[in-house]
Protein backbone atom coordinates (compact mmCIF):
# COMPACT_ATOMS: atom_id res chain seq x y z
CA MET A 1 -19.68 10.33 6.72
CA GLY A 2 -18.48 10.31 3.61
CA LEU A 3 -15.07 9.00 1.68
CA ASN A 4 -11.95 11.99 0.86
CA LEU A 5 -11.55 11.85 -2.55
CA ALA A 6 -8.03 12.27 -3.99
CA PHE A 7 -5.44 12.47 -6.31
CA HIS A 8 -3.88 9.27 -4.91
CA SER A 9 -6.78 8.15 -2.41
CA VAL A 10 -6.85 3.72 -2.52
CA TRP A 11 -10.24 3.06 -2.47
CA PRO A 12 -10.67 4.89 -6.27
CA LEU A 13 -9.18 2.21 -7.39
CA PHE A 14 -11.15 -0.75 -6.28
CA VAL A 15 -14.03 1.09 -7.80
CA CYS A 16 -12.73 0.96 -11.17
CA VAL A 17 -11.31 -2.30 -10.89
CA GLY A 18 -15.08 -3.15 -9.81
CA ILE A 19 -15.99 -1.74 -13.26
CA LEU A 20 -13.50 -3.49 -15.31
CA LEU A 21 -15.11 -6.86 -13.88
CA VAL A 22 -18.16 -5.79 -14.86
CA LEU A 23 -17.01 -5.23 -18.37
CA ALA A 24 -14.72 -8.14 -18.64
CA ARG A 25 -17.95 -10.33 -17.62
CA SER A 26 -19.87 -8.75 -20.59
CA PRO A 27 -20.11 -9.63 -23.71
CA LEU A 28 -18.47 -7.02 -24.92
CA LEU A 29 -15.29 -9.07 -23.74
CA ALA A 30 -16.50 -12.44 -25.40
CA GLY A 31 -14.08 -12.25 -28.07
CA ALA A 32 -11.16 -12.64 -25.20
CA ASP A 33 -12.13 -16.12 -24.22
CA PRO A 34 -10.71 -19.63 -25.87
CA PRO A 35 -11.91 -21.03 -28.74
CA PRO A 36 -12.92 -24.36 -28.63
CA SER A 37 -10.16 -26.03 -30.07
CA ASP A 38 -7.20 -24.56 -27.58
CA ARG A 39 -6.49 -27.12 -25.56
CA THR A 40 -3.19 -25.54 -24.08
CA PRO A 41 -2.74 -26.80 -20.28
CA ARG A 42 -4.09 -23.86 -18.07
CA VAL A 43 -3.50 -22.92 -14.80
CA ALA A 44 -7.08 -21.84 -14.13
CA THR A 45 -5.76 -19.15 -10.86
CA LEU A 46 -2.78 -18.20 -12.95
CA ASP A 47 -5.07 -17.21 -16.05
CA GLY A 48 -7.78 -15.15 -13.51
CA LEU A 49 -3.86 -14.05 -11.24
CA ARG A 50 -2.25 -11.88 -14.91
CA GLY A 51 -5.64 -9.72 -15.35
CA PHE A 52 -5.13 -8.43 -11.72
CA LEU A 53 -1.46 -7.88 -12.40
CA ALA A 54 -1.88 -6.10 -15.03
CA LEU A 55 -4.47 -3.89 -13.90
CA ALA A 56 -1.63 -3.13 -11.03
CA VAL A 57 0.26 -2.07 -12.73
CA VAL A 58 -1.65 -0.11 -14.91
CA PHE A 59 -2.42 1.91 -11.16
CA HIS A 60 1.19 2.20 -10.43
CA HIS A 61 0.97 4.54 -13.29
CA VAL A 62 -1.80 5.89 -13.29
CA GLY A 63 -0.16 7.32 -9.26
CA ILE A 64 2.76 8.30 -11.42
CA TYR A 65 1.12 10.42 -14.08
CA HIS A 66 0.04 12.49 -10.97
CA ASN A 67 3.21 14.41 -10.53
CA TYR A 68 3.64 13.53 -14.42
CA MET A 69 1.27 16.21 -15.21
CA LEU A 70 2.83 18.42 -13.08
CA ALA A 71 6.60 18.24 -13.45
CA GLU A 72 7.48 15.98 -16.34
CA ARG A 73 8.57 13.54 -13.67
CA TRP A 74 8.88 10.54 -14.17
CA THR A 75 9.30 8.77 -10.65
CA PHE A 76 7.51 7.24 -8.20
CA PRO A 77 4.35 8.61 -6.44
CA PRO A 78 3.87 10.37 -3.02
CA SER A 79 1.16 6.95 -1.81
CA ARG A 80 3.29 3.61 -0.81
CA VAL A 81 0.38 1.93 -2.13
CA TYR A 82 0.67 3.19 -5.60
CA SER A 83 4.17 3.25 -5.34
CA LEU A 84 4.53 -0.34 -5.10
CA LEU A 85 1.63 -1.91 -7.03
CA GLY A 86 3.31 -1.71 -10.14
CA ALA A 87 6.06 -4.14 -8.70
CA THR A 88 4.10 -6.29 -6.64
CA GLY A 89 2.35 -7.04 -11.06
CA VAL A 90 5.34 -7.33 -12.25
CA SER A 91 6.93 -9.73 -8.60
CA LEU A 92 4.34 -11.76 -9.85
CA PHE A 93 4.18 -12.12 -13.43
CA PHE A 94 8.24 -12.90 -13.03
CA MET A 95 6.67 -15.88 -10.64
CA ILE A 96 4.28 -17.08 -12.85
CA THR A 97 6.69 -17.17 -15.74
CA GLY A 98 9.57 -19.30 -12.99
CA TYR A 99 6.61 -21.88 -12.22
CA LEU A 100 5.23 -22.38 -15.92
CA PHE A 101 8.96 -22.70 -17.47
CA TRP A 102 10.33 -24.46 -14.70
CA GLY A 103 6.84 -27.29 -14.53
CA ARG A 104 7.83 -27.46 -18.54
CA LEU A 105 11.22 -28.58 -18.27
CA LEU A 106 10.27 -30.49 -15.44
CA ARG A 107 7.26 -32.19 -16.57
CA THR A 108 9.55 -33.42 -19.67
CA ARG A 109 12.50 -34.66 -17.65
CA GLY A 110 14.57 -31.47 -18.56
CA ARG A 111 14.41 -32.47 -22.55
CA PRO A 112 11.63 -30.18 -24.31
CA ASP A 113 10.69 -29.40 -27.41
CA TRP A 114 13.51 -26.25 -27.24
CA PHE A 115 12.66 -24.80 -31.17
CA SER A 116 8.83 -25.18 -30.25
CA LEU A 117 9.38 -23.87 -26.92
CA TYR A 118 11.27 -20.73 -28.20
CA ALA A 119 9.14 -20.47 -31.26
CA GLY A 120 6.20 -20.07 -29.65
CA ARG A 121 8.13 -17.60 -26.90
CA LEU A 122 9.42 -15.66 -30.05
CA PHE A 123 5.38 -15.29 -31.70
CA ARG A 124 3.87 -14.85 -28.36
CA ILE A 125 5.90 -11.74 -27.76
CA GLY A 126 6.42 -10.06 -31.03
CA PRO A 127 4.08 -9.41 -32.66
CA LEU A 128 1.78 -7.17 -29.84
CA TYR A 129 5.20 -5.89 -28.92
CA LEU A 130 5.75 -4.41 -32.47
CA VAL A 131 2.20 -3.01 -32.58
CA ALA A 132 2.32 -0.97 -29.50
CA VAL A 133 5.81 0.00 -30.68
CA GLY A 134 5.24 0.59 -34.06
CA ALA A 135 2.13 3.15 -32.74
CA MET A 136 4.60 5.34 -30.08
CA LEU A 137 6.66 5.75 -33.02
CA LEU A 138 3.93 6.74 -34.73
CA ILE A 139 3.05 9.43 -32.35
CA VAL A 140 7.14 10.01 -31.77
CA PHE A 141 7.25 11.02 -35.63
CA CYS A 142 4.01 13.09 -35.47
CA LEU A 143 4.62 15.13 -32.98
CA THR A 144 8.64 16.22 -34.72
CA TRP A 145 8.13 15.83 -38.13
CA PRO A 146 9.90 16.90 -40.51
CA THR A 147 12.86 17.62 -38.39
CA LEU A 148 15.00 15.22 -38.19
CA GLU A 149 16.73 15.97 -34.66
CA VAL A 150 19.22 13.61 -34.30
CA ALA A 151 22.19 12.30 -36.67
CA PRO A 152 20.70 9.45 -39.28
CA ARG A 153 23.01 6.49 -37.39
CA GLN A 154 21.47 7.38 -34.10
CA LEU A 155 18.26 7.39 -35.57
CA ALA A 156 19.04 3.93 -36.72
CA ALA A 157 20.60 2.95 -33.46
CA GLN A 158 17.24 4.26 -31.32
CA LEU A 159 15.15 1.91 -33.94
CA ALA A 160 17.09 -0.39 -33.31
CA SER A 161 16.81 -0.53 -29.02
CA TRP A 162 13.09 -0.35 -29.49
CA LEU A 163 12.51 -3.34 -31.84
CA SER A 164 14.31 -5.44 -30.43
CA LEU A 165 11.44 -7.09 -28.57
CA GLY A 166 12.82 -6.21 -25.31
CA VAL A 167 16.10 -7.84 -25.40
CA ASP A 168 17.58 -3.85 -25.51
CA SER A 169 16.21 -2.22 -22.40
CA ARG A 170 17.15 1.48 -22.92
CA GLU A 171 14.24 2.62 -23.87
CA PRO A 172 16.26 5.59 -25.78
CA ASP A 173 14.64 8.86 -27.01
CA VAL A 174 13.61 8.50 -30.30
CA ASN A 175 14.50 11.62 -33.24
CA GLY A 176 14.91 14.22 -30.07
CA TYR A 177 11.63 13.80 -28.39
CA ALA A 178 12.05 13.88 -23.97
CA GLN A 179 11.19 10.49 -22.38
CA THR A 180 10.09 8.39 -25.32
CA PHE A 181 9.15 5.73 -22.82
CA SER A 182 6.89 7.73 -21.73
CA LEU A 183 4.89 6.67 -24.59
CA LEU A 184 4.46 3.45 -23.27
CA ALA A 185 4.49 3.72 -19.85
CA GLY A 186 7.61 2.27 -19.74
CA VAL A 187 6.94 -1.22 -18.73
CA THR A 188 8.75 -3.37 -22.12
CA TRP A 189 11.96 -2.73 -19.83
CA SER A 190 10.56 -6.01 -17.42
CA LEU A 191 11.26 -8.36 -20.71
CA GLN A 192 14.23 -8.20 -20.86
CA PHE A 193 14.58 -10.31 -17.94
CA GLU A 194 11.89 -12.50 -19.54
CA TRP A 195 14.26 -13.06 -22.34
CA PHE A 196 16.95 -13.69 -19.98
CA PHE A 197 15.20 -16.42 -18.12
CA TYR A 198 14.59 -17.80 -21.75
CA ALA A 199 17.84 -17.62 -22.71
CA SER A 200 18.58 -19.74 -19.11
CA LEU A 201 16.20 -22.48 -19.69
CA PRO A 202 19.19 -24.80 -21.67
CA VAL A 203 20.88 -24.84 -18.19
CA LEU A 204 18.47 -24.90 -16.20
CA ALA A 205 17.27 -27.86 -18.03
CA LEU A 206 20.70 -30.28 -16.44
CA ALA A 207 18.64 -29.06 -12.70
CA ALA A 208 15.67 -30.42 -13.97
CA ARG A 209 16.77 -33.70 -14.69
CA ARG A 210 17.88 -34.58 -10.65
CA ARG A 211 15.33 -35.37 -7.81
CA TRP A 212 17.03 -32.16 -6.20
CA HIS A 213 15.62 -29.66 -8.65
CA LEU A 214 13.57 -28.81 -5.40
CA ALA A 215 16.44 -27.97 -3.25
CA PHE A 216 18.34 -26.04 -6.39
CA ALA A 217 15.20 -24.04 -7.38
CA ALA A 218 14.79 -23.26 -3.79
CA SER A 219 17.47 -21.82 -2.58
CA GLY A 220 18.42 -20.01 -5.51
CA VAL A 221 15.95 -17.56 -3.74
CA PRO A 222 17.00 -16.89 -0.33
CA VAL A 223 21.01 -16.88 -2.33
CA CYS A 224 19.72 -14.18 -4.42
CA LEU A 225 18.14 -12.27 -2.03
CA VAL A 226 21.14 -11.95 0.58
CA ALA A 227 23.51 -11.53 -2.54
CA ALA A 228 21.60 -8.25 -3.48
CA HIS A 229 21.58 -7.10 -0.16
CA PHE A 230 24.98 -6.70 -0.56
CA ALA A 231 25.41 -5.51 -3.91
CA PRO A 232 25.62 -2.72 -5.70
CA LEU A 233 22.83 -0.66 -6.72
CA ASP A 234 23.32 -1.39 -11.03
CA GLN A 235 23.41 -5.39 -9.61
CA HIS A 236 20.63 -5.06 -7.15
CA ASP A 237 17.10 -5.38 -9.10
CA TRP A 238 18.69 -8.21 -11.60
CA LEU A 239 19.29 -10.77 -8.17
CA VAL A 240 16.47 -9.64 -6.48
CA CYS A 241 14.24 -10.58 -10.21
CA VAL A 242 16.55 -14.07 -10.08
CA ALA A 243 15.05 -14.50 -7.28
CA LEU A 244 11.83 -13.93 -8.42
CA PHE A 245 11.94 -17.19 -11.36
CA ALA A 246 13.11 -18.95 -8.80
CA SER A 247 10.32 -18.57 -6.66
CA GLY A 248 8.32 -19.79 -9.07
CA MET A 249 9.93 -22.82 -9.53
CA ALA A 250 10.58 -23.16 -6.33
CA ALA A 251 7.09 -23.37 -6.10
CA ALA A 252 6.60 -25.72 -9.54
CA SER A 253 9.16 -28.20 -7.88
CA MET A 254 7.08 -28.22 -4.70
CA GLN A 255 3.90 -29.63 -6.49
CA ALA A 256 5.47 -31.88 -8.66
CA LYS A 257 6.99 -32.78 -4.99
CA ARG A 258 3.49 -33.50 -3.82
CA LYS A 259 4.49 -31.03 -1.03
CA GLY A 260 0.97 -29.20 -1.17
CA LEU A 261 0.22 -26.35 2.46
CA GLY A 262 -3.22 -28.10 1.65
CA LEU A 263 -5.81 -25.17 3.56
CA PRO A 264 -8.66 -25.10 2.52
CA ASP A 265 -9.99 -22.38 -0.09
CA ALA A 266 -11.27 -19.92 2.80
CA VAL A 267 -8.06 -19.99 4.33
CA ALA A 268 -5.88 -20.06 1.98
CA SER A 269 -7.66 -16.77 0.14
CA ALA A 270 -7.97 -14.82 3.33
CA LEU A 271 -4.02 -15.50 3.86
CA VAL A 272 -3.15 -14.54 0.07
CA VAL A 273 -5.41 -11.23 0.98
CA LEU A 274 -3.29 -10.61 3.83
CA LEU A 275 -0.09 -11.07 2.25
CA ILE A 276 -0.40 -8.71 -0.55
CA ALA A 277 -1.96 -6.30 1.19
CA LEU A 278 1.37 -6.46 3.35
CA ALA A 279 3.57 -6.27 0.29
CA VAL A 280 1.19 -3.23 -1.12
CA SER A 281 2.03 -1.68 2.50
CA ILE A 282 4.67 -2.40 4.68
CA PRO A 283 8.33 -1.98 1.74
CA ASP A 284 9.88 0.67 1.71
CA HIS A 285 11.12 0.13 -1.61
CA PRO A 286 9.83 -1.45 -4.43
CA TYR A 287 11.54 -4.90 -4.86
CA SER A 288 12.83 -4.86 -1.83
CA VAL A 289 13.81 -8.95 0.82
CA THR A 290 10.03 -8.12 2.51
CA SER A 291 8.37 -8.07 -0.77
CA VAL A 292 9.70 -10.99 -2.09
CA VAL A 293 8.88 -13.51 0.99
CA LEU A 294 5.49 -12.19 1.20
CA LEU A 295 4.80 -12.49 -2.41
CA ALA A 296 6.53 -15.90 -3.02
CA THR A 297 4.23 -16.85 -0.19
CA ALA A 298 0.78 -15.38 -1.64
CA PHE A 299 2.40 -17.07 -5.31
CA HIS A 300 3.12 -20.61 -3.46
CA LEU A 301 -1.00 -20.80 -2.07
CA ILE A 302 -2.41 -19.23 -5.80
CA VAL A 303 -1.18 -22.14 -7.54
CA SER A 304 -1.79 -24.89 -4.41
CA GLY A 305 -5.48 -23.38 -5.75
CA SER A 306 -6.23 -20.35 -3.74
CA THR A 307 -9.31 -18.77 -5.40
CA LEU A 308 -9.30 -15.82 -3.41
CA PHE A 309 -12.74 -16.54 -2.74
CA GLY A 310 -13.80 -17.68 -6.44
CA LEU A 311 -12.04 -14.50 -7.63
CA LEU A 312 -9.52 -15.88 -10.32
CA VAL A 313 -11.72 -18.39 -11.66
CA SER A 314 -14.46 -16.27 -12.14
CA ARG A 315 -14.91 -15.73 -16.24
CA ALA A 316 -14.58 -12.12 -15.67
CA ALA A 317 -10.98 -12.83 -14.35
CA ARG A 318 -10.03 -14.95 -16.62
CA ARG A 319 -11.08 -13.17 -19.82
CA LEU A 320 -8.87 -10.49 -17.73
CA GLY A 321 -6.22 -12.63 -17.64
CA ASP A 322 -6.20 -14.00 -21.21
CA ILE A 323 -5.50 -9.76 -21.97
CA SER A 324 -3.73 -9.23 -20.15
CA TYR A 325 -0.53 -8.81 -22.35
CA GLY A 326 -2.13 -6.52 -23.57
CA ILE A 327 -2.97 -4.49 -21.12
CA TYR A 328 0.15 -4.30 -20.40
CA LEU A 329 1.76 -3.71 -23.50
CA LEU A 330 -0.64 -0.64 -24.09
CA GLN A 331 -1.39 0.92 -21.12
CA GLY A 332 1.15 3.88 -21.80
CA LEU A 333 -0.96 4.89 -25.12
CA PHE A 334 -4.70 5.44 -23.22
CA LEU A 335 -2.94 6.94 -20.46
CA ALA A 336 -0.66 8.95 -22.71
CA ALA A 337 -4.32 9.73 -24.55
CA VAL A 338 -6.55 10.88 -21.31
CA PHE A 339 -3.42 12.74 -19.76
CA ARG A 340 -1.32 14.55 -22.37
CA PRO A 341 -3.80 16.71 -24.41
CA ALA A 342 -3.89 20.41 -22.87
CA SER A 343 -8.16 20.04 -21.87
CA LEU A 344 -7.99 17.63 -20.43
CA LYS A 345 -4.55 17.25 -18.77
CA GLU A 346 -5.80 20.98 -17.28
CA ALA A 347 -8.93 18.91 -16.37
CA ALA A 348 -7.11 15.93 -14.39
CA LEU A 349 -5.37 18.41 -12.26
CA ALA A 350 -8.19 20.66 -11.56
CA SER A 351 -9.82 17.70 -9.29
CA PRO A 352 -9.07 14.34 -8.18
CA LEU A 353 -12.68 12.97 -9.30
CA ALA A 354 -12.50 14.54 -12.92
CA TYR A 355 -8.28 12.89 -12.48
CA TRP A 356 -10.50 9.34 -11.75
CA SER A 357 -12.72 9.87 -13.86
CA LEU A 358 -10.30 9.98 -16.86
CA ALA A 359 -8.20 7.34 -15.85
CA LEU A 360 -11.90 5.18 -15.62
CA ALA A 361 -12.67 6.11 -19.19
CA ALA A 362 -8.54 5.00 -19.76
CA THR A 363 -8.76 1.98 -18.32
CA VAL A 364 -12.25 0.69 -19.81
CA LEU A 365 -10.81 1.85 -23.74
CA LEU A 366 -7.57 -0.16 -22.47
CA VAL A 367 -9.41 -3.30 -22.09
CA LEU A 368 -11.39 -2.75 -25.23
CA ALA A 369 -8.59 -2.45 -27.84
CA ALA A 370 -6.76 -5.09 -25.15
CA CYS A 371 -9.19 -8.11 -26.47
CA VAL A 372 -9.49 -6.68 -30.09
CA ALA A 373 -5.41 -7.34 -29.92
CA HIS A 374 -6.47 -10.36 -28.55
CA THR A 375 -8.60 -11.56 -31.42
CA LEU A 376 -6.58 -9.47 -34.38
CA VAL A 377 -2.47 -10.26 -32.93
CA GLU A 378 -2.02 -12.06 -30.48
CA ARG A 379 -4.48 -15.35 -31.21
CA PRO A 380 -2.69 -14.77 -35.35
CA GLY A 381 0.41 -14.62 -33.92
CA ILE A 382 0.69 -17.52 -32.06
CA LYS A 383 -1.21 -19.19 -34.74
CA LEU A 384 1.36 -18.05 -37.02
CA GLY A 385 4.19 -19.68 -34.38
CA ARG A 386 2.72 -22.95 -34.60
CA TYR A 387 2.12 -23.12 -38.36
CA VAL A 388 6.38 -21.68 -38.95
CA THR A 389 7.15 -24.23 -36.35
CA GLU A 390 5.08 -27.48 -37.53
CA MET A 391 6.48 -26.40 -41.66
CA LEU A 392 10.16 -25.76 -40.29
CA LYS A 393 10.22 -29.33 -38.70
CA ARG A 394 8.81 -31.10 -41.56
CA SER A 395 11.06 -29.08 -43.64
CA ALA A 396 13.72 -30.84 -41.12
CA ALA A 397 12.63 -34.61 -41.19
CA ARG A 398 12.58 -34.47 -44.76
CA GLY A 399 15.77 -33.56 -44.93
CA GLU A 400 16.97 -36.30 -43.04
CA SER A 401 14.97 -38.76 -44.75
CA GLU A 402 17.07 -38.25 -47.53
CA GLN A 403 19.78 -38.29 -46.43
CA LEU A 404 19.23 -41.97 -44.81
CA PRO A 405 21.07 -44.82 -46.63
CA VAL A 406 20.12 -47.29 -48.71
CA PRO A 407 21.54 -50.30 -49.59
CA GLY A 408 24.63 -50.20 -52.55
CA GLY A 409 25.36 -47.23 -50.56
CA ALA A 410 23.63 -44.87 -51.91
CA ARG A 411 21.15 -42.50 -50.18
CA ARG A 412 17.55 -41.65 -50.83
């Protein structure tokens, strides 16, 4: 009995991911491997997880594109799985952020090198973001040139919003081009929540210095979820996202307190698969209380060492994890490239086979481009950030030494 293929069938997702894993293991993606000189502390299972989370968001948008091509409306697809995939990926990304940076506060007893932390974030997020937004703006102006559809001041405000590195999440249309955000698949909104969390770290550091840091982090999850249940719709997502960060923080505090479950990897991996399967099939809407609870439990198992039967620590998964930011940011450009040209759009709408073939082509090209971007943009950006940080620190140290008093009341 053959498998039925429809526009929102689930099994093509697994076929595509399998092919991408084969690609990631090949020499074509060897450039994603970290250089031997990179001694940054890493959590192997999280490195592997990131790639799958980015792909979850990509295939969520693959699910959206069918209706978008039909009616030019960016809405959730009719499939529950494809509707929830994106939220699942973003939710676990937020947990990873909470886990890593709260863990950093715990290790430094709430006194990290703040300048290095924020400079590192700026040079990690900024360069590839500007490349992605620059490509989007180039497309917009090529399509709208030479007409100026809005007043110059309004255009400047639109550009400023897009160039804010995600701090401003309004994603406005640029120069009258409808649904400009769709060229990047609307992914930049999540960066505002990331920046919000980074901005809160100095306050959170006060709690990280206390022995009750686990109680503080863990209590944030139910408090925010209960508040979200009763909050107006415009505040619901903010509260749920805070709960997601708190879930990651709680996992870091539990590790610091050495409160792990200690399950065998096979058992923990089976539970993770079950929990994630439930998270993408049971909730009625994204970012629900049910999904947060399911994903937070799965996340704790993963940071405690669950490898998903070895998949998360495989070379392919870790390579995809290293280039996951590029996969996440650049996906809209490649989906637009295969689904928007008239001839390709007509073919994609004509049959599910053509639709999924184009989706596979887009994701293969996306992964290759993300690897190139990681090598040529992300890695040099990180290196530049470290160089700038070191230079500014040296300059500040020299300035302080010149102000030291010397005998006789003079100054150096």
